[in-house]
Amino acid sequence: MYHNAHLCIIMSIFVKAKPKKMDTYLKTKEKTERLFKTSKTESDQRFYLLVILALETGARVSDLLNIKINDFRQVDNATLLDYKNKKGKKKQTIRISEKTANKVNTYMEDKESSFIFYNEKKGSLMSRITANRRCTATFDFNFHNLRKIAGKNIANQKGVIYASKFLGHSRVSTTDIYLGISDEQWLEDMKDVVI
């Protein structure tokens, strides 16, 4: 449906997230950064680190829970995270901020396991259900919503084509549906477009 390059350009214009969506992203990230800094327990740090990575990568919580410290690599002064996208069965590479890379490295300094979200006291990885329950209790939405917030942030800055790649979607039309662009919003956003 969106194979035509001209249509892709139009799609990138109308899918742009509203400013309040960007505000939601920034507020959530700021709150999480603050909670990470002030967390008293390892469990809290682990959870807030998971939220920060979810916002920066747009990855599914099930994909993030399985990442290891060696999934991070340095390339030209940038930190990249390579993880396996379970749903698409392909490798996804995302750039993360230096600030987040430092948080990961500091958190993993004295850990025996190579898995980032491994709970040494319990002897297991954090579960997806536990992560979602805690996310809902803290932010009033779950990790799927964090993924959408991250996707809308990319769409707002770079357009739907970049958001599609960021989220690991194989089609732009999937991203369009995923980000929930209504017909009313499309008509409103298209009123100023010159064709």
N, C-alpha and C. Protein backbone atom coordinates (compact mmCIF):
# COMPACT_ATOMS: atom_id res chain seq x y z
N MET A 1 0.81 -1.19 0.00
CA MET A 1 0.00 0.00 0.00
C MET A 1 0.86 1.27 0.00
N TYR A 2 2.00 1.27 0.75
CA TYR A 2 2.83 2.46 0.84
C TYR A 2 4.16 2.29 0.12
N HIS A 3 4.16 1.58 -1.02
CA HIS A 3 5.41 1.34 -1.72
C HIS A 3 5.87 2.57 -2.49
N ASN A 4 4.96 3.42 -2.87
CA ASN A 4 5.29 4.61 -3.61
C ASN A 4 6.05 5.60 -2.72
N ALA A 5 7.18 6.09 -3.20
CA ALA A 5 8.03 6.99 -2.40
C ALA A 5 7.28 8.26 -2.01
N HIS A 6 6.44 8.78 -2.93
CA HIS A 6 5.67 9.99 -2.64
C HIS A 6 4.70 9.76 -1.49
N LEU A 7 4.06 8.62 -1.48
CA LEU A 7 3.14 8.29 -0.39
C LEU A 7 3.88 8.15 0.93
N CYS A 8 5.09 7.61 0.89
CA CYS A 8 5.89 7.48 2.12
C CYS A 8 6.21 8.86 2.70
N ILE A 9 6.49 9.82 1.84
CA ILE A 9 6.77 11.18 2.31
C ILE A 9 5.52 11.77 2.96
N ILE A 10 4.37 11.59 2.31
CA ILE A 10 3.12 12.08 2.88
C ILE A 10 2.84 11.39 4.21
N MET A 11 3.08 10.07 4.27
CA MET A 11 2.87 9.33 5.52
C MET A 11 3.74 9.90 6.62
N SER A 12 4.99 10.25 6.30
CA SER A 12 5.90 10.76 7.33
C SER A 12 5.41 12.10 7.86
N ILE A 13 4.67 12.85 7.06
CA ILE A 13 4.13 14.13 7.51
C ILE A 13 2.94 13.90 8.45
N PHE A 14 1.99 13.07 8.05
CA PHE A 14 0.77 13.00 8.86
C PHE A 14 0.88 12.11 10.08
N VAL A 15 1.90 11.26 10.16
CA VAL A 15 2.01 10.39 11.32
C VAL A 15 2.71 11.08 12.49
N LYS A 16 3.21 12.29 12.26
CA LYS A 16 3.93 12.98 13.32
C LYS A 16 3.07 13.06 14.58
N ALA A 17 3.69 12.71 15.69
CA ALA A 17 3.00 12.72 16.98
C ALA A 17 2.74 14.15 17.41
N LYS A 18 1.69 14.33 18.13
CA LYS A 18 1.35 15.63 18.67
C LYS A 18 2.38 16.02 19.74
N PRO A 19 2.58 17.32 19.99
CA PRO A 19 3.54 17.75 21.00
C PRO A 19 3.31 17.10 22.37
N LYS A 20 2.06 16.83 22.73
CA LYS A 20 1.82 16.23 24.05
C LYS A 20 2.39 14.81 24.12
N LYS A 21 2.50 14.12 22.97
CA LYS A 21 3.10 12.79 22.95
C LYS A 21 4.59 12.89 23.25
N MET A 22 5.25 13.88 22.68
CA MET A 22 6.67 14.10 22.94
C MET A 22 6.85 14.48 24.41
N ASP A 23 5.94 15.28 24.93
CA ASP A 23 5.97 15.68 26.32
C ASP A 23 5.84 14.45 27.23
N THR A 24 4.96 13.52 26.86
CA THR A 24 4.79 12.28 27.63
C THR A 24 6.10 11.50 27.66
N TYR A 25 6.77 11.40 26.52
CA TYR A 25 8.05 10.70 26.43
C TYR A 25 9.07 11.34 27.36
N LEU A 26 9.22 12.65 27.26
CA LEU A 26 10.23 13.36 28.05
C LEU A 26 9.93 13.28 29.55
N LYS A 27 8.67 13.45 29.93
CA LYS A 27 8.30 13.38 31.35
C LYS A 27 8.55 11.99 31.91
N THR A 28 8.19 10.96 31.14
CA THR A 28 8.40 9.59 31.59
C THR A 28 9.89 9.31 31.75
N LYS A 29 10.68 9.76 30.78
CA LYS A 29 12.12 9.52 30.84
C LYS A 29 12.75 10.28 32.01
N GLU A 30 12.36 11.53 32.21
CA GLU A 30 12.90 12.31 33.32
C GLU A 30 12.54 11.68 34.67
N LYS A 31 11.28 11.26 34.80
CA LYS A 31 10.83 10.63 36.05
C LYS A 31 11.64 9.35 36.31
N THR A 32 11.83 8.55 35.26
CA THR A 32 12.56 7.30 35.42
C THR A 32 14.03 7.55 35.78
N GLU A 33 14.64 8.53 35.14
CA GLU A 33 16.04 8.89 35.45
C GLU A 33 16.15 9.29 36.93
N ARG A 34 15.20 10.09 37.39
CA ARG A 34 15.20 10.55 38.78
C ARG A 34 15.02 9.37 39.74
N LEU A 35 14.08 8.47 39.42
CA LEU A 35 13.83 7.31 40.26
C LEU A 35 15.04 6.35 40.27
N PHE A 36 15.72 6.23 39.13
CA PHE A 36 16.91 5.38 39.06
C PHE A 36 17.99 5.92 40.01
N LYS A 37 18.20 7.24 39.96
CA LYS A 37 19.23 7.87 40.81
C LYS A 37 18.94 7.70 42.29
N THR A 38 17.66 7.78 42.66
CA THR A 38 17.31 7.76 44.08
C THR A 38 16.93 6.37 44.59
N SER A 39 16.98 5.36 43.72
CA SER A 39 16.57 4.02 44.15
C SER A 39 17.50 3.47 45.20
N LYS A 40 16.91 2.83 46.18
CA LYS A 40 17.66 2.32 47.33
C LYS A 40 18.03 0.84 47.17
N THR A 41 17.28 0.11 46.37
CA THR A 41 17.52 -1.33 46.25
C THR A 41 17.99 -1.69 44.84
N GLU A 42 18.62 -2.83 44.75
CA GLU A 42 19.07 -3.34 43.45
C GLU A 42 17.86 -3.66 42.56
N SER A 43 16.80 -4.14 43.16
CA SER A 43 15.58 -4.46 42.43
C SER A 43 15.01 -3.20 41.76
N ASP A 44 15.00 -2.08 42.50
CA ASP A 44 14.51 -0.82 41.94
C ASP A 44 15.41 -0.36 40.79
N GLN A 45 16.72 -0.42 40.99
CA GLN A 45 17.65 -0.02 39.93
C GLN A 45 17.44 -0.85 38.68
N ARG A 46 17.31 -2.15 38.86
CA ARG A 46 17.12 -3.06 37.72
C ARG A 46 15.85 -2.69 36.96
N PHE A 47 14.76 -2.44 37.68
CA PHE A 47 13.50 -2.09 37.04
C PHE A 47 13.59 -0.77 36.28
N TYR A 48 14.15 0.27 36.92
CA TYR A 48 14.23 1.57 36.26
C TYR A 48 15.19 1.54 35.07
N LEU A 49 16.22 0.74 35.14
CA LEU A 49 17.12 0.56 34.01
C LEU A 49 16.37 -0.08 32.84
N LEU A 50 15.49 -1.03 33.14
CA LEU A 50 14.66 -1.67 32.11
C LEU A 50 13.75 -0.64 31.44
N VAL A 51 13.15 0.23 32.22
CA VAL A 51 12.27 1.27 31.66
C VAL A 51 13.07 2.24 30.78
N ILE A 52 14.24 2.64 31.25
CA ILE A 52 15.08 3.55 30.46
C ILE A 52 15.45 2.91 29.12
N LEU A 53 15.84 1.65 29.15
CA LEU A 53 16.18 0.96 27.90
C LEU A 53 14.96 0.80 27.00
N ALA A 54 13.80 0.56 27.59
CA ALA A 54 12.57 0.44 26.78
C ALA A 54 12.27 1.75 26.06
N LEU A 55 12.44 2.86 26.74
CA LEU A 55 12.18 4.16 26.12
C LEU A 55 13.21 4.51 25.05
N GLU A 56 14.45 4.10 25.25
CA GLU A 56 15.50 4.44 24.27
C GLU A 56 15.52 3.50 23.07
N THR A 57 15.08 2.27 23.26
CA THR A 57 15.20 1.29 22.18
C THR A 57 13.88 0.98 21.49
N GLY A 58 12.77 1.19 22.18
CA GLY A 58 11.48 0.80 21.62
C GLY A 58 11.31 -0.70 21.55
N ALA A 59 12.17 -1.43 22.23
CA ALA A 59 12.13 -2.90 22.19
C ALA A 59 11.00 -3.44 23.06
N ARG A 60 10.55 -4.63 22.70
CA ARG A 60 9.55 -5.32 23.52
C ARG A 60 10.20 -5.72 24.84
N VAL A 61 9.42 -5.73 25.90
CA VAL A 61 9.97 -6.07 27.22
C VAL A 61 10.55 -7.48 27.21
N SER A 62 9.93 -8.40 26.50
CA SER A 62 10.46 -9.77 26.46
C SER A 62 11.82 -9.83 25.78
N ASP A 63 12.07 -8.95 24.82
CA ASP A 63 13.38 -8.89 24.16
C ASP A 63 14.42 -8.27 25.10
N LEU A 64 14.03 -7.23 25.81
CA LEU A 64 14.97 -6.56 26.73
C LEU A 64 15.36 -7.44 27.90
N LEU A 65 14.44 -8.22 28.41
CA LEU A 65 14.72 -9.05 29.58
C LEU A 65 15.80 -10.09 29.30
N ASN A 66 16.04 -10.40 28.03
CA ASN A 66 17.03 -11.41 27.67
C ASN A 66 18.36 -10.84 27.21
N ILE A 67 18.56 -9.53 27.30
CA ILE A 67 19.83 -8.98 26.83
C ILE A 67 20.94 -9.24 27.85
N LYS A 68 22.15 -9.34 27.30
CA LYS A 68 23.35 -9.58 28.11
C LYS A 68 24.29 -8.40 27.95
N ILE A 69 25.24 -8.30 28.84
CA ILE A 69 26.21 -7.21 28.80
C ILE A 69 27.01 -7.22 27.50
N ASN A 70 27.27 -8.41 26.94
CA ASN A 70 28.03 -8.46 25.68
C ASN A 70 27.17 -8.16 24.45
N ASP A 71 25.88 -7.84 24.65
CA ASP A 71 25.04 -7.38 23.54
C ASP A 71 25.29 -5.90 23.24
N PHE A 72 26.02 -5.24 24.14
CA PHE A 72 26.40 -3.83 23.94
C PHE A 72 27.77 -3.80 23.31
N ARG A 73 27.96 -2.89 22.34
CA ARG A 73 29.28 -2.75 21.72
C ARG A 73 29.55 -1.29 21.38
N GLN A 74 30.82 -0.95 21.34
CA GLN A 74 31.25 0.40 21.00
C GLN A 74 31.65 0.47 19.53
N VAL A 75 31.13 1.46 18.82
CA VAL A 75 31.49 1.70 17.43
C VAL A 75 31.60 3.21 17.24
N ASP A 76 32.79 3.68 16.93
CA ASP A 76 33.01 5.12 16.68
C ASP A 76 32.41 6.00 17.77
N ASN A 77 32.78 5.77 19.00
CA ASN A 77 32.30 6.55 20.15
C ASN A 77 30.79 6.49 20.37
N ALA A 78 30.15 5.49 19.84
CA ALA A 78 28.72 5.28 20.06
C ALA A 78 28.51 3.89 20.66
N THR A 79 27.52 3.78 21.52
CA THR A 79 27.18 2.48 22.09
C THR A 79 25.97 1.92 21.37
N LEU A 80 26.12 0.72 20.85
CA LEU A 80 25.03 0.05 20.14
C LEU A 80 24.59 -1.16 20.95
N LEU A 81 23.29 -1.42 20.90
CA LEU A 81 22.72 -2.60 21.53
C LEU A 81 22.20 -3.50 20.43
N ASP A 82 22.72 -4.72 20.38
CA ASP A 82 22.25 -5.73 19.42
C ASP A 82 21.40 -6.72 20.21
N TYR A 83 20.16 -6.88 19.79
CA TYR A 83 19.32 -7.86 20.46
C TYR A 83 18.48 -8.59 19.43
N LYS A 84 18.02 -9.76 19.80
CA LYS A 84 17.20 -10.55 18.89
C LYS A 84 15.74 -10.17 19.08
N ASN A 85 15.13 -9.73 18.00
CA ASN A 85 13.72 -9.38 17.98
C ASN A 85 12.94 -10.69 17.86
N LYS A 86 12.41 -11.18 18.96
CA LYS A 86 11.76 -12.50 18.96
C LYS A 86 10.58 -12.58 18.01
N LYS A 87 9.81 -11.51 17.93
CA LYS A 87 8.61 -11.55 17.09
C LYS A 87 8.98 -11.61 15.61
N GLY A 88 9.97 -10.81 15.22
CA GLY A 88 10.39 -10.79 13.83
C GLY A 88 11.51 -11.78 13.53
N LYS A 89 12.04 -12.43 14.57
CA LYS A 89 13.11 -13.43 14.45
C LYS A 89 14.35 -12.87 13.76
N LYS A 90 14.59 -11.57 13.95
CA LYS A 90 15.79 -10.99 13.34
C LYS A 90 16.53 -10.15 14.37
N LYS A 91 17.79 -9.87 14.07
CA LYS A 91 18.61 -9.06 14.96
C LYS A 91 18.29 -7.59 14.74
N GLN A 92 18.16 -6.88 15.83
CA GLN A 92 17.87 -5.45 15.80
C GLN A 92 19.06 -4.74 16.43
N THR A 93 19.49 -3.64 15.84
CA THR A 93 20.58 -2.84 16.41
C THR A 93 20.06 -1.43 16.65
N ILE A 94 20.26 -0.96 17.88
CA ILE A 94 19.78 0.36 18.29
C ILE A 94 20.93 1.10 18.98
N ARG A 95 21.04 2.37 18.70
CA ARG A 95 22.03 3.21 19.38
C ARG A 95 21.43 3.70 20.69
N ILE A 96 22.21 3.60 21.76
CA ILE A 96 21.73 4.12 23.04
C ILE A 96 22.64 5.26 23.49
N SER A 97 22.13 6.09 24.36
CA SER A 97 22.89 7.26 24.81
C SER A 97 24.06 6.85 25.69
N GLU A 98 25.05 7.70 25.72
CA GLU A 98 26.23 7.47 26.56
C GLU A 98 25.83 7.40 28.03
N LYS A 99 24.88 8.23 28.40
CA LYS A 99 24.38 8.27 29.78
C LYS A 99 23.80 6.91 30.19
N THR A 100 23.00 6.32 29.30
CA THR A 100 22.41 5.01 29.59
C THR A 100 23.46 3.92 29.57
N ALA A 101 24.40 3.99 28.65
CA ALA A 101 25.49 3.01 28.59
C ALA A 101 26.28 3.02 29.90
N ASN A 102 26.52 4.21 30.43
CA ASN A 102 27.22 4.32 31.71
C ASN A 102 26.41 3.71 32.85
N LYS A 103 25.09 3.90 32.82
CA LYS A 103 24.22 3.30 33.84
C LYS A 103 24.32 1.77 33.79
N VAL A 104 24.27 1.22 32.58
CA VAL A 104 24.36 -0.23 32.41
C VAL A 104 25.69 -0.74 32.94
N ASN A 105 26.78 -0.10 32.54
CA ASN A 105 28.11 -0.52 32.98
C ASN A 105 28.28 -0.44 34.49
N THR A 106 27.81 0.64 35.08
CA THR A 106 27.90 0.80 36.53
C THR A 106 27.07 -0.26 37.24
N TYR A 107 25.86 -0.49 36.74
CA TYR A 107 24.97 -1.48 37.36
C TYR A 107 25.58 -2.89 37.28
N MET A 108 26.26 -3.20 36.19
CA MET A 108 26.78 -4.56 35.96
C MET A 108 28.17 -4.79 36.56
N GLU A 109 28.78 -3.79 37.17
CA GLU A 109 30.15 -3.91 37.66
C GLU A 109 30.42 -5.14 38.53
N ASP A 110 29.60 -5.38 39.50
CA ASP A 110 29.87 -6.48 40.44
C ASP A 110 28.94 -7.68 40.26
N LYS A 111 28.32 -7.79 39.09
CA LYS A 111 27.38 -8.88 38.85
C LYS A 111 28.10 -10.10 38.28
N GLU A 112 27.66 -11.28 38.71
CA GLU A 112 28.24 -12.53 38.20
C GLU A 112 27.59 -12.94 36.89
N SER A 113 26.30 -12.73 36.77
CA SER A 113 25.58 -13.12 35.55
C SER A 113 25.86 -12.13 34.43
N SER A 114 25.85 -12.61 33.20
CA SER A 114 26.02 -11.70 32.07
C SER A 114 24.67 -11.10 31.64
N PHE A 115 23.56 -11.67 32.15
CA PHE A 115 22.23 -11.11 31.85
C PHE A 115 22.01 -9.86 32.70
N ILE A 116 21.57 -8.80 32.07
CA ILE A 116 21.38 -7.54 32.78
C ILE A 116 20.23 -7.63 33.79
N PHE A 117 19.16 -8.29 33.42
CA PHE A 117 17.98 -8.31 34.27
C PHE A 117 17.83 -9.62 35.04
N TYR A 118 18.96 -10.17 35.40
CA TYR A 118 19.02 -11.40 36.21
C TYR A 118 18.99 -11.01 37.68
N ASN A 119 18.10 -11.62 38.44
CA ASN A 119 18.01 -11.37 39.87
C ASN A 119 18.83 -12.45 40.58
N GLU A 120 19.99 -12.07 41.10
CA GLU A 120 20.89 -13.04 41.72
C GLU A 120 20.29 -13.65 42.98
N LYS A 121 19.49 -12.89 43.73
CA LYS A 121 18.87 -13.43 44.94
C LYS A 121 17.86 -14.52 44.61
N LYS A 122 17.06 -14.29 43.57
CA LYS A 122 16.05 -15.28 43.17
C LYS A 122 16.62 -16.35 42.25
N GLY A 123 17.73 -16.04 41.60
CA GLY A 123 18.34 -16.99 40.67
C GLY A 123 17.59 -17.12 39.36
N SER A 124 16.93 -16.03 38.93
CA SER A 124 16.19 -16.07 37.66
C SER A 124 16.11 -14.67 37.05
N LEU A 125 15.72 -14.64 35.78
CA LEU A 125 15.50 -13.37 35.11
C LEU A 125 14.19 -12.75 35.62
N MET A 126 14.12 -11.42 35.56
CA MET A 126 12.88 -10.74 35.87
C MET A 126 11.82 -11.22 34.88
N SER A 127 10.62 -11.46 35.34
CA SER A 127 9.58 -11.94 34.43
C SER A 127 8.88 -10.76 33.76
N ARG A 128 8.34 -11.03 32.59
CA ARG A 128 7.59 -10.02 31.84
C ARG A 128 6.37 -9.56 32.63
N ILE A 129 5.71 -10.50 33.30
CA ILE A 129 4.51 -10.18 34.08
C ILE A 129 4.86 -9.25 35.24
N THR A 130 5.93 -9.56 35.95
CA THR A 130 6.38 -8.71 37.06
C THR A 130 6.74 -7.32 36.56
N ALA A 131 7.47 -7.26 35.45
CA ALA A 131 7.87 -5.96 34.89
C ALA A 131 6.65 -5.14 34.52
N ASN A 132 5.66 -5.75 33.87
CA ASN A 132 4.45 -5.02 33.47
C ASN A 132 3.62 -4.58 34.66
N ARG A 133 3.51 -5.43 35.68
CA ARG A 133 2.76 -5.04 36.88
C ARG A 133 3.41 -3.84 37.56
N ARG A 134 4.72 -3.90 37.65
CA ARG A 134 5.43 -2.80 38.30
C ARG A 134 5.36 -1.52 37.48
N CYS A 135 5.43 -1.65 36.17
CA CYS A 135 5.33 -0.49 35.28
C CYS A 135 3.96 0.16 35.42
N THR A 136 2.92 -0.65 35.45
CA THR A 136 1.56 -0.13 35.60
C THR A 136 1.39 0.56 36.95
N ALA A 137 1.95 -0.01 37.99
CA ALA A 137 1.85 0.60 39.32
C ALA A 137 2.61 1.93 39.39
N THR A 138 3.72 2.03 38.68
CA THR A 138 4.56 3.24 38.74
C THR A 138 4.09 4.33 37.79
N PHE A 139 3.70 3.95 36.56
CA PHE A 139 3.41 4.95 35.52
C PHE A 139 1.96 4.96 35.03
N ASP A 140 1.15 4.03 35.47
CA ASP A 140 -0.24 3.88 35.00
C ASP A 140 -0.33 3.40 33.55
N PHE A 141 0.73 2.82 33.03
CA PHE A 141 0.70 2.13 31.74
C PHE A 141 1.79 1.07 31.73
N ASN A 142 1.70 0.13 30.77
CA ASN A 142 2.64 -1.00 30.76
C ASN A 142 3.75 -0.80 29.74
N PHE A 143 4.59 -1.83 29.57
CA PHE A 143 5.74 -1.73 28.67
C PHE A 143 5.32 -1.62 27.20
N HIS A 144 4.17 -2.16 26.85
CA HIS A 144 3.70 -2.02 25.47
C HIS A 144 3.45 -0.53 25.18
N ASN A 145 2.89 0.18 26.17
CA ASN A 145 2.68 1.61 26.01
C ASN A 145 4.00 2.36 25.94
N LEU A 146 5.02 1.91 26.70
CA LEU A 146 6.35 2.53 26.62
C LEU A 146 6.91 2.38 25.20
N ARG A 147 6.69 1.21 24.61
CA ARG A 147 7.14 0.96 23.23
C ARG A 147 6.46 1.92 22.25
N LYS A 148 5.16 2.12 22.45
CA LYS A 148 4.43 3.07 21.58
C LYS A 148 4.91 4.50 21.80
N ILE A 149 5.14 4.87 23.06
CA ILE A 149 5.64 6.22 23.35
C ILE A 149 6.99 6.44 22.66
N ALA A 150 7.87 5.44 22.74
CA ALA A 150 9.18 5.55 22.08
C ALA A 150 9.01 5.65 20.56
N GLY A 151 8.11 4.84 19.99
CA GLY A 151 7.86 4.88 18.54
C GLY A 151 7.31 6.23 18.10
N LYS A 152 6.40 6.79 18.88
CA LYS A 152 5.82 8.10 18.54
C LYS A 152 6.87 9.20 18.66
N ASN A 153 7.79 9.05 19.60
CA ASN A 153 8.88 10.01 19.74
C ASN A 153 9.73 10.02 18.47
N ILE A 154 10.06 8.84 17.95
CA ILE A 154 10.86 8.76 16.71
C ILE A 154 10.05 9.29 15.53
N ALA A 155 8.77 8.93 15.45
CA ALA A 155 7.92 9.43 14.36
C ALA A 155 7.84 10.95 14.40
N ASN A 156 7.77 11.51 15.58
CA ASN A 156 7.69 12.95 15.74
C ASN A 156 8.97 13.63 15.24
N GLN A 157 10.10 13.02 15.50
CA GLN A 157 11.38 13.64 15.13
C GLN A 157 11.83 13.31 13.70
N LYS A 158 11.60 12.07 13.27
CA LYS A 158 12.16 11.63 12.00
C LYS A 158 11.13 11.16 10.97
N GLY A 159 9.91 10.89 11.38
CA GLY A 159 8.89 10.41 10.45
C GLY A 159 8.62 8.92 10.62
N VAL A 160 7.57 8.48 9.97
CA VAL A 160 7.08 7.11 10.14
C VAL A 160 8.04 6.06 9.60
N ILE A 161 8.79 6.38 8.58
CA ILE A 161 9.71 5.40 8.00
C ILE A 161 10.79 5.03 9.02
N TYR A 162 11.33 6.05 9.69
CA TYR A 162 12.33 5.79 10.73
C TYR A 162 11.70 5.07 11.93
N ALA A 163 10.48 5.46 12.28
CA ALA A 163 9.78 4.81 13.39
C ALA A 163 9.54 3.33 13.07
N SER A 164 9.23 3.04 11.83
CA SER A 164 9.00 1.66 11.40
C SER A 164 10.27 0.82 11.58
N LYS A 165 11.40 1.36 11.17
CA LYS A 165 12.68 0.66 11.32
C LYS A 165 13.04 0.54 12.80
N PHE A 166 12.85 1.60 13.55
CA PHE A 166 13.14 1.62 14.98
C PHE A 166 12.36 0.55 15.73
N LEU A 167 11.08 0.39 15.39
CA LEU A 167 10.22 -0.59 16.06
C LEU A 167 10.38 -2.00 15.51
N GLY A 168 11.12 -2.15 14.41
CA GLY A 168 11.35 -3.47 13.84
C GLY A 168 10.19 -3.97 13.00
N HIS A 169 9.35 -3.05 12.52
CA HIS A 169 8.23 -3.44 11.66
C HIS A 169 8.72 -3.62 10.23
N SER A 170 8.18 -4.61 9.54
CA SER A 170 8.60 -4.84 8.15
C SER A 170 7.83 -3.95 7.17
N ARG A 171 6.71 -3.40 7.60
CA ARG A 171 5.92 -2.54 6.71
C ARG A 171 5.57 -1.22 7.41
N VAL A 172 5.59 -0.14 6.65
CA VAL A 172 5.22 1.16 7.17
C VAL A 172 3.75 1.18 7.57
N SER A 173 2.93 0.45 6.84
CA SER A 173 1.50 0.41 7.17
C SER A 173 1.26 -0.20 8.55
N THR A 174 2.10 -1.14 8.95
CA THR A 174 2.00 -1.72 10.30
C THR A 174 2.28 -0.66 11.34
N THR A 175 3.29 0.16 11.10
CA THR A 175 3.64 1.23 12.03
C THR A 175 2.51 2.26 12.11
N ASP A 176 1.90 2.56 10.97
CA ASP A 176 0.77 3.49 10.92
C ASP A 176 -0.35 3.00 11.83
N ILE A 177 -0.69 1.73 11.73
CA ILE A 177 -1.74 1.15 12.57
C ILE A 177 -1.29 1.11 14.02
N TYR A 178 -0.05 0.72 14.24
CA TYR A 178 0.50 0.58 15.58
C TYR A 178 0.50 1.90 16.35
N LEU A 179 0.85 2.98 15.66
CA LEU A 179 0.91 4.28 16.31
C LEU A 179 -0.47 4.91 16.47
N GLY A 180 -1.49 4.31 15.86
CA GLY A 180 -2.87 4.72 16.09
C GLY A 180 -3.24 6.06 15.49
N ILE A 181 -2.90 6.27 14.23
CA ILE A 181 -3.25 7.52 13.57
C ILE A 181 -4.70 7.42 13.09
N SER A 182 -5.55 8.25 13.63
CA SER A 182 -6.97 8.21 13.27
C SER A 182 -7.21 8.97 11.97
N ASP A 183 -8.34 8.69 11.33
CA ASP A 183 -8.72 9.40 10.10
C ASP A 183 -8.89 10.89 10.38
N GLU A 184 -9.45 11.22 11.54
CA GLU A 184 -9.64 12.64 11.90
C GLU A 184 -8.30 13.35 12.03
N GLN A 185 -7.32 12.68 12.68
CA GLN A 185 -6.00 13.27 12.84
C GLN A 185 -5.34 13.42 11.48
N TRP A 186 -5.49 12.42 10.61
CA TRP A 186 -4.92 12.48 9.28
C TRP A 186 -5.46 13.68 8.52
N LEU A 187 -6.78 13.87 8.54
CA LEU A 187 -7.39 15.01 7.84
C LEU A 187 -6.91 16.34 8.42
N GLU A 188 -6.82 16.41 9.74
CA GLU A 188 -6.33 17.64 10.39
C GLU A 188 -4.89 17.93 10.00
N ASP A 189 -4.02 16.91 10.04
CA ASP A 189 -2.61 17.09 9.74
C ASP A 189 -2.35 17.38 8.26
N MET A 190 -3.24 16.91 7.41
CA MET A 190 -3.05 17.07 5.96
C MET A 190 -3.57 18.39 5.43
N LYS A 191 -4.28 19.18 6.24
CA LYS A 191 -4.90 20.41 5.73
C LYS A 191 -3.87 21.45 5.26
N ASP A 192 -2.66 21.42 5.83
CA ASP A 192 -1.64 22.39 5.45
C ASP A 192 -0.65 21.85 4.43
N VAL A 193 -0.80 20.60 4.01
CA VAL A 193 0.13 20.00 3.08
C VAL A 193 -0.17 20.45 1.64
N VAL A 194 0.86 20.87 0.94
CA VAL A 194 0.71 21.28 -0.46
C VAL A 194 1.12 20.09 -1.32
N ILE A 195 0.21 19.67 -2.19
CA ILE A 195 0.49 18.51 -3.06
C ILE A 195 0.44 18.98 -4.51
